[in-house]
């Protein structure tokens, strides 16, 4: 949820990795798993899913 929220705020995987003290590869793996679970093909689709399901900062608190 945290990584999805950061993607929704427009952060790149490199920025997310630096912010969370993770390797870029780790963030990419998380993003791939998020996309698989929600049926998105890219970060834009994942962001749209989050907005539509109230998972953004203006929704349920990302």
N, C-alpha and C. Protein backbone atom coordinates (compact mmCIF):
# COMPACT_ATOMS: atom_id res chain seq x y z
N UNK A 1 0.83 -1.19 0.00
CA UNK A 1 0.00 0.00 0.00
C UNK A 1 0.88 1.25 0.00
N UNK A 2 1.96 1.20 0.76
CA UNK A 2 2.83 2.37 0.83
C UNK A 2 3.46 2.68 -0.53
N UNK A 3 3.94 1.65 -1.20
CA UNK A 3 4.55 1.85 -2.51
C UNK A 3 3.50 2.30 -3.52
N UNK A 4 2.32 1.74 -3.49
CA UNK A 4 1.25 2.17 -4.38
C UNK A 4 0.93 3.64 -4.14
N UNK A 5 0.88 4.04 -2.89
CA UNK A 5 0.62 5.44 -2.56
C UNK A 5 1.70 6.36 -3.11
N UNK A 6 2.93 5.93 -3.02
CA UNK A 6 4.04 6.73 -3.54
C UNK A 6 3.97 6.83 -5.06
N UNK A 7 3.58 5.75 -5.72
CA UNK A 7 3.39 5.79 -7.17
C UNK A 7 2.29 6.78 -7.53
N UNK A 8 1.22 6.78 -6.75
CA UNK A 8 0.11 7.69 -7.00
C UNK A 8 0.53 9.15 -6.84
N UNK A 9 1.51 9.39 -5.99
CA UNK A 9 2.01 10.75 -5.80
C UNK A 9 3.03 11.14 -6.86
N UNK A 10 3.28 10.23 -7.81
CA UNK A 10 4.17 10.53 -8.92
C UNK A 10 5.63 10.23 -8.69
N UNK A 11 5.95 9.52 -7.63
CA UNK A 11 7.34 9.16 -7.36
C UNK A 11 7.78 8.05 -8.30
N UNK A 12 9.03 8.11 -8.72
CA UNK A 12 9.60 7.06 -9.55
C UNK A 12 10.06 5.90 -8.66
N UNK A 13 10.23 4.72 -9.24
CA UNK A 13 10.75 3.61 -8.42
C UNK A 13 12.09 3.94 -7.76
N UNK A 14 12.95 4.70 -8.45
CA UNK A 14 14.23 5.09 -7.84
C UNK A 14 14.01 5.99 -6.63
N UNK A 15 13.07 6.92 -6.73
CA UNK A 15 12.77 7.81 -5.60
C UNK A 15 12.16 7.03 -4.44
N UNK A 16 11.29 6.09 -4.76
CA UNK A 16 10.68 5.25 -3.73
C UNK A 16 11.75 4.44 -3.02
N UNK A 17 12.65 3.85 -3.79
CA UNK A 17 13.73 3.04 -3.22
C UNK A 17 14.57 3.87 -2.26
N UNK A 18 14.94 5.06 -2.68
CA UNK A 18 15.75 5.92 -1.82
C UNK A 18 14.99 6.33 -0.56
N UNK A 19 13.72 6.62 -0.71
CA UNK A 19 12.89 7.05 0.42
C UNK A 19 12.71 5.95 1.46
N UNK A 20 12.59 4.71 0.99
CA UNK A 20 12.33 3.58 1.89
C UNK A 20 13.58 2.78 2.22
N UNK A 21 14.73 3.25 1.73
CA UNK A 21 16.00 2.55 1.95
C UNK A 21 15.95 1.11 1.43
N UNK A 22 15.41 0.97 0.21
CA UNK A 22 15.32 -0.32 -0.46
C UNK A 22 16.11 -0.28 -1.75
N UNK A 23 16.44 -1.44 -2.27
CA UNK A 23 17.06 -1.52 -3.59
C UNK A 23 16.00 -1.23 -4.65
N UNK A 24 16.42 -0.65 -5.76
CA UNK A 24 15.49 -0.38 -6.86
C UNK A 24 14.82 -1.67 -7.33
N UNK A 25 15.58 -2.75 -7.37
CA UNK A 25 15.04 -4.04 -7.80
C UNK A 25 13.91 -4.49 -6.86
N UNK A 26 14.06 -4.25 -5.57
CA UNK A 26 13.03 -4.61 -4.60
C UNK A 26 11.75 -3.84 -4.89
N UNK A 27 11.88 -2.55 -5.16
CA UNK A 27 10.71 -1.73 -5.47
C UNK A 27 10.07 -2.21 -6.77
N UNK A 28 10.88 -2.49 -7.78
CA UNK A 28 10.34 -3.00 -9.05
C UNK A 28 9.58 -4.30 -8.83
N UNK A 29 10.11 -5.17 -7.98
CA UNK A 29 9.41 -6.43 -7.68
C UNK A 29 8.07 -6.17 -7.00
N UNK A 30 8.05 -5.24 -6.05
CA UNK A 30 6.79 -4.91 -5.38
C UNK A 30 5.78 -4.35 -6.38
N UNK A 31 6.25 -3.47 -7.25
CA UNK A 31 5.36 -2.88 -8.25
C UNK A 31 4.82 -3.97 -9.18
N UNK A 32 5.65 -4.90 -9.59
CA UNK A 32 5.18 -6.01 -10.43
C UNK A 32 4.12 -6.83 -9.72
N UNK A 33 4.33 -7.11 -8.44
CA UNK A 33 3.34 -7.89 -7.68
C UNK A 33 2.04 -7.11 -7.50
N UNK A 34 2.14 -5.81 -7.26
CA UNK A 34 0.94 -4.97 -7.15
C UNK A 34 0.16 -5.04 -8.46
N UNK A 35 0.88 -4.83 -9.56
CA UNK A 35 0.21 -4.84 -10.87
C UNK A 35 -0.45 -6.18 -11.15
N UNK A 36 0.21 -7.26 -10.80
CA UNK A 36 -0.36 -8.59 -11.01
C UNK A 36 -1.64 -8.77 -10.19
N UNK A 37 -1.59 -8.37 -8.94
CA UNK A 37 -2.75 -8.56 -8.05
C UNK A 37 -3.96 -7.74 -8.49
N UNK A 38 -3.72 -6.54 -9.01
CA UNK A 38 -4.86 -5.68 -9.35
C UNK A 38 -5.19 -5.70 -10.83
N UNK A 39 -4.39 -6.43 -11.60
CA UNK A 39 -4.66 -6.55 -13.02
C UNK A 39 -4.22 -5.35 -13.84
N UNK A 40 -3.28 -4.59 -13.33
CA UNK A 40 -2.77 -3.44 -14.07
C UNK A 40 -1.57 -3.86 -14.92
N UNK A 41 -1.33 -3.13 -16.00
CA UNK A 41 -0.19 -3.45 -16.85
C UNK A 41 0.95 -2.46 -16.68
N UNK A 42 0.70 -1.35 -15.99
CA UNK A 42 1.74 -0.35 -15.75
C UNK A 42 1.35 0.51 -14.55
N UNK A 43 2.23 1.46 -14.20
CA UNK A 43 1.96 2.26 -13.00
C UNK A 43 0.76 3.18 -13.19
N UNK A 44 0.47 3.57 -14.42
CA UNK A 44 -0.70 4.41 -14.68
C UNK A 44 -1.97 3.63 -14.34
N UNK A 45 -2.01 2.37 -14.77
CA UNK A 45 -3.16 1.52 -14.44
C UNK A 45 -3.29 1.29 -12.96
N UNK A 46 -2.15 1.13 -12.28
CA UNK A 46 -2.17 0.95 -10.83
C UNK A 46 -2.70 2.20 -10.13
N UNK A 47 -2.29 3.36 -10.62
CA UNK A 47 -2.76 4.63 -10.05
C UNK A 47 -4.26 4.78 -10.27
N UNK A 48 -4.72 4.46 -11.46
CA UNK A 48 -6.14 4.54 -11.75
C UNK A 48 -6.93 3.61 -10.85
N UNK A 49 -6.42 2.40 -10.65
CA UNK A 49 -7.07 1.45 -9.73
C UNK A 49 -7.18 2.06 -8.33
N UNK A 50 -6.09 2.64 -7.85
CA UNK A 50 -6.08 3.22 -6.51
C UNK A 50 -7.09 4.35 -6.38
N UNK A 51 -7.17 5.21 -7.40
CA UNK A 51 -8.12 6.33 -7.36
C UNK A 51 -9.56 5.81 -7.39
N UNK A 52 -9.82 4.87 -8.27
CA UNK A 52 -11.18 4.33 -8.40
C UNK A 52 -11.64 3.59 -7.14
N UNK A 53 -10.70 3.06 -6.39
CA UNK A 53 -11.05 2.28 -5.20
C UNK A 53 -10.81 3.02 -3.90
N UNK A 54 -10.63 4.33 -3.98
CA UNK A 54 -10.50 5.15 -2.78
C UNK A 54 -9.23 4.90 -1.99
N UNK A 55 -8.14 4.54 -2.68
CA UNK A 55 -6.90 4.22 -1.99
C UNK A 55 -5.88 5.34 -2.06
N UNK A 56 -6.28 6.50 -2.51
CA UNK A 56 -5.36 7.63 -2.61
C UNK A 56 -5.43 8.47 -1.35
N UNK A 57 -4.59 9.46 -1.27
CA UNK A 57 -4.58 10.36 -0.10
C UNK A 57 -5.94 10.96 0.15
N UNK A 58 -6.69 11.19 -0.92
CA UNK A 58 -8.01 11.80 -0.79
C UNK A 58 -9.09 10.76 -0.52
N UNK A 59 -8.68 9.48 -0.55
CA UNK A 59 -9.62 8.39 -0.31
C UNK A 59 -9.45 7.84 1.09
N UNK A 60 -8.87 6.65 1.20
CA UNK A 60 -8.81 6.00 2.49
C UNK A 60 -7.47 6.13 3.18
N UNK A 61 -6.60 7.02 2.73
CA UNK A 61 -5.45 7.32 3.54
C UNK A 61 -4.08 6.90 3.06
N UNK A 62 -3.86 6.75 1.79
CA UNK A 62 -2.49 6.48 1.35
C UNK A 62 -1.69 7.74 1.41
